[in-house]
Amino acid sequence: MKRNQIKFILIFLLLFFSACGKEESKSPAPQVNAPDQVMENSTITFSDKGINSAVIWAKYIEVYEKLDLKKAKQVRIDFYDKDGVHTSVLVADSGRIQERKHKFEALGHVVVTTDEGIKLSTQSLRWDPDINKIVTDDFVTITKSQNVITGYGLEADQQLKHIIIKKQVKGKITDISEEGLKDSL
């Protein structure tokens, strides 16, 4: 055999055997938007100067650290006033939490019930830290005893003591005494 043929055969065998050792990776490519952490049956507590302002419980939470985002499912939040006294409870199908920005959005079958018996129902609700209010553009129903007010869009404090409904407001008030109106909504 000629020297060139031997070199050719050796190079061919070297390439062949090195190619045989490599298998194509069949594992899926890493997801760019995969959560950094997943938690089940977890609690997140927000406090200010050692006083609880909100305690969030969720059945399932995905944590995205770089985005400052927590996506939660089956959410319950207990809210507290500036003195740490419990004021209201929110339940929702899901929520989005941005801790560093102090923002929270509740989505799907959102119900807020105050300790004083006022109930707010809507499909979405978010906390606006710039104005310290809960807001939505969705349809809302506010109930206390037999009194019901509905409309679209809402801005309110977390105790639901000061409420603005933005449009198409309708209501049914059954207790029209002065004291009943003060206590109703």
Protein backbone atom coordinates (compact mmCIF):
# COMPACT_ATOMS: atom_id res chain seq x y z
CA MET A 1 0.00 0.00 0.00
CA LYS A 2 1.11 3.37 -0.69
CA ARG A 3 1.84 5.78 2.07
CA ASN A 4 -0.98 8.17 0.99
CA GLN A 5 -3.52 5.37 1.05
CA ILE A 6 -2.52 4.40 4.59
CA LYS A 7 -2.87 8.02 5.75
CA PHE A 8 -6.27 8.25 4.10
CA ILE A 9 -7.45 5.00 5.75
CA LEU A 10 -6.16 6.10 9.17
CA ILE A 11 -7.85 9.52 8.92
CA PHE A 12 -11.08 7.89 7.77
CA LEU A 13 -11.03 5.41 10.67
CA LEU A 14 -10.20 8.16 13.15
CA LEU A 15 -13.12 10.30 11.94
CA PHE A 16 -15.46 7.32 11.83
CA PHE A 17 -14.74 6.20 15.40
CA SER A 18 -14.86 9.72 16.81
CA ALA A 19 -18.23 10.28 15.13
CA CYS A 20 -19.57 6.99 16.47
CA GLY A 21 -18.97 8.05 20.05
CA LYS A 22 -21.21 11.08 19.74
CA GLU A 23 -24.94 10.64 20.16
CA GLU A 24 -27.39 13.37 19.44
CA SER A 25 -28.82 14.80 22.61
CA LYS A 26 -32.48 13.91 22.79
CA SER A 27 -33.12 15.80 26.03
CA PRO A 28 -35.25 18.90 25.62
CA ALA A 29 -33.55 22.26 25.50
CA PRO A 30 -33.79 24.12 28.78
CA GLN A 31 -36.81 26.40 28.95
CA VAL A 32 -35.96 30.06 29.00
CA ASN A 33 -38.98 30.88 31.16
CA ALA A 34 -38.67 27.97 33.58
CA PRO A 35 -39.20 28.90 37.24
CA ASP A 36 -36.21 29.10 39.55
CA GLN A 37 -38.19 27.45 42.33
CA VAL A 38 -41.54 25.72 42.78
CA MET A 39 -43.33 25.60 46.14
CA GLU A 40 -46.48 23.83 47.27
CA ASN A 41 -48.75 24.76 50.19
CA SER A 42 -46.60 27.78 50.98
CA THR A 43 -46.96 31.03 52.90
CA ILE A 44 -45.42 34.40 52.09
CA THR A 45 -45.57 37.11 54.77
CA PHE A 46 -45.29 40.83 54.05
CA SER A 47 -44.46 43.04 57.00
CA ASP A 48 -43.55 46.63 57.65
CA LYS A 49 -41.35 47.39 60.65
CA GLY A 50 -42.12 43.95 62.10
CA ILE A 51 -45.91 44.28 61.74
CA ASN A 52 -47.71 41.95 59.32
CA SER A 53 -49.43 43.74 56.45
CA ALA A 54 -50.38 40.64 54.44
CA VAL A 55 -50.01 36.87 54.73
CA ILE A 56 -50.35 35.03 51.42
CA TRP A 57 -51.05 31.30 51.31
CA ALA A 58 -51.05 29.44 47.99
CA LYS A 59 -51.43 25.82 46.98
CA TYR A 60 -48.76 26.22 44.28
CA ILE A 61 -46.17 28.95 43.60
CA GLU A 62 -43.63 29.34 40.80
CA VAL A 63 -40.77 31.72 41.61
CA TYR A 64 -38.99 33.72 38.88
CA GLU A 65 -36.19 35.55 40.74
CA LYS A 66 -34.83 37.66 37.88
CA LEU A 67 -38.32 38.91 37.01
CA ASP A 68 -39.27 39.58 40.67
CA LEU A 69 -42.33 37.44 40.00
CA LYS A 70 -44.19 34.74 41.86
CA LYS A 71 -47.09 33.04 40.07
CA ALA A 72 -49.49 31.50 42.57
CA LYS A 73 -52.51 29.20 42.25
CA GLN A 74 -55.41 28.82 44.71
CA VAL A 75 -54.58 31.93 46.70
CA ARG A 76 -55.75 33.20 50.09
CA ILE A 77 -54.50 36.47 51.53
CA ASP A 78 -55.13 37.81 55.02
CA PHE A 79 -54.71 41.60 55.18
CA TYR A 80 -53.79 43.60 58.29
CA ASP A 81 -53.93 47.32 59.05
CA LYS A 82 -50.93 49.46 60.08
CA ASP A 83 -51.31 48.24 63.68
CA GLY A 84 -51.29 44.56 62.68
CA VAL A 85 -55.05 44.09 63.20
CA HIS A 86 -56.72 41.70 60.73
CA THR A 87 -59.00 43.58 58.29
CA SER A 88 -59.96 41.34 55.37
CA VAL A 89 -59.46 38.12 53.42
CA LEU A 90 -59.00 37.71 49.67
CA VAL A 91 -59.40 34.41 47.81
CA ALA A 92 -58.72 33.89 44.10
CA ASP A 93 -57.95 31.21 41.55
CA SER A 94 -54.48 32.65 40.94
CA GLY A 95 -52.21 35.58 41.62
CA ARG A 96 -49.05 37.34 40.52
CA ILE A 97 -46.75 38.78 43.19
CA GLN A 98 -43.88 41.24 42.67
CA GLU A 99 -42.31 41.58 46.11
CA ARG A 100 -39.71 44.24 45.35
CA LYS A 101 -42.34 46.48 43.74
CA HIS A 102 -44.96 45.61 46.41
CA LYS A 103 -47.44 44.70 43.67
CA PHE A 104 -50.04 41.96 43.71
CA GLU A 105 -52.67 40.93 41.17
CA ALA A 106 -55.46 38.43 41.88
CA LEU A 107 -57.12 36.67 38.94
CA GLY A 108 -60.22 34.51 38.56
CA HIS A 109 -63.17 34.37 40.96
CA VAL A 110 -61.72 37.04 43.23
CA VAL A 111 -63.62 37.56 46.49
CA VAL A 112 -62.61 39.98 49.24
CA THR A 113 -64.49 39.78 52.55
CA THR A 114 -63.84 42.34 55.27
CA ASP A 115 -64.08 41.55 58.97
CA GLU A 116 -67.04 43.97 59.01
CA GLY A 117 -69.02 41.83 56.54
CA ILE A 118 -68.53 43.69 53.25
CA LYS A 119 -67.98 41.38 50.28
CA LEU A 120 -66.41 42.35 46.95
CA SER A 121 -66.58 39.95 43.98
CA THR A 122 -64.82 40.45 40.63
CA GLN A 123 -62.63 38.63 38.08
CA SER A 124 -59.41 40.55 38.70
CA LEU A 125 -58.03 42.88 41.32
CA ARG A 126 -54.64 44.45 41.82
CA TRP A 127 -52.91 46.35 44.58
CA ASP A 128 -51.57 49.72 43.42
CA PRO A 129 -48.79 50.68 45.85
CA ASP A 130 -48.52 54.18 44.35
CA ILE A 131 -51.98 55.11 45.70
CA ASN A 132 -52.30 52.38 48.41
CA LYS A 133 -55.55 51.12 46.91
CA ILE A 134 -57.03 48.03 45.29
CA VAL A 135 -58.16 48.63 41.72
CA THR A 136 -59.84 46.86 38.81
CA ASP A 137 -61.49 47.72 35.52
CA ASP A 138 -63.69 44.59 35.62
CA PHE A 139 -67.31 44.21 36.71
CA VAL A 140 -67.67 44.33 40.50
CA THR A 141 -70.35 43.38 42.98
CA ILE A 142 -70.24 44.78 46.50
CA THR A 143 -72.56 43.28 49.10
CA LYS A 144 -73.34 43.95 52.74
CA SER A 145 -76.39 42.29 54.25
CA GLN A 146 -79.19 42.84 51.73
CA ASN A 147 -77.52 45.86 50.10
CA VAL A 148 -75.88 45.29 46.69
CA ILE A 149 -74.01 47.70 44.42
CA THR A 150 -72.60 46.73 41.01
CA GLY A 151 -70.63 48.46 38.29
CA TYR A 152 -67.45 48.50 36.24
CA GLY A 153 -64.10 49.62 37.58
CA LEU A 154 -63.21 50.08 41.22
CA GLU A 155 -60.79 51.93 43.42
CA ALA A 156 -60.92 51.23 47.17
CA ASP A 157 -58.93 50.95 50.37
CA GLN A 158 -58.23 47.39 51.55
CA GLN A 159 -60.89 47.61 54.29
CA LEU A 160 -63.49 48.57 51.61
CA LYS A 161 -64.53 51.60 53.66
CA HIS A 162 -63.90 54.11 50.86
CA ILE A 163 -65.04 52.76 47.48
CA ILE A 164 -65.29 54.41 44.08
CA ILE A 165 -67.10 52.49 41.31
CA LYS A 166 -66.21 54.13 38.01
CA LYS A 167 -69.11 53.44 35.61
CA GLN A 168 -72.52 51.83 35.09
CA VAL A 169 -73.23 51.87 38.82
CA LYS A 170 -76.43 50.14 39.95
CA GLY A 171 -77.62 49.33 43.42
CA LYS A 172 -80.25 47.80 45.62
CA ILE A 173 -80.41 49.26 49.11
CA THR A 174 -83.00 47.74 51.44
CA ASP A 175 -82.04 49.47 54.69
CA ILE A 176 -82.54 53.19 54.04
CA SER A 177 -82.41 54.48 57.60
CA GLU A 178 -79.59 56.98 58.24
CA GLU A 179 -77.75 54.53 60.47
CA GLY A 180 -78.36 51.66 58.00
CA LEU A 181 -76.87 53.70 55.15
CA LYS A 182 -73.80 54.54 57.20
CA ASP A 183 -73.32 50.90 58.13
CA SER A 184 -74.23 49.37 54.77
CA LEU A 185 -71.47 50.50 52.40
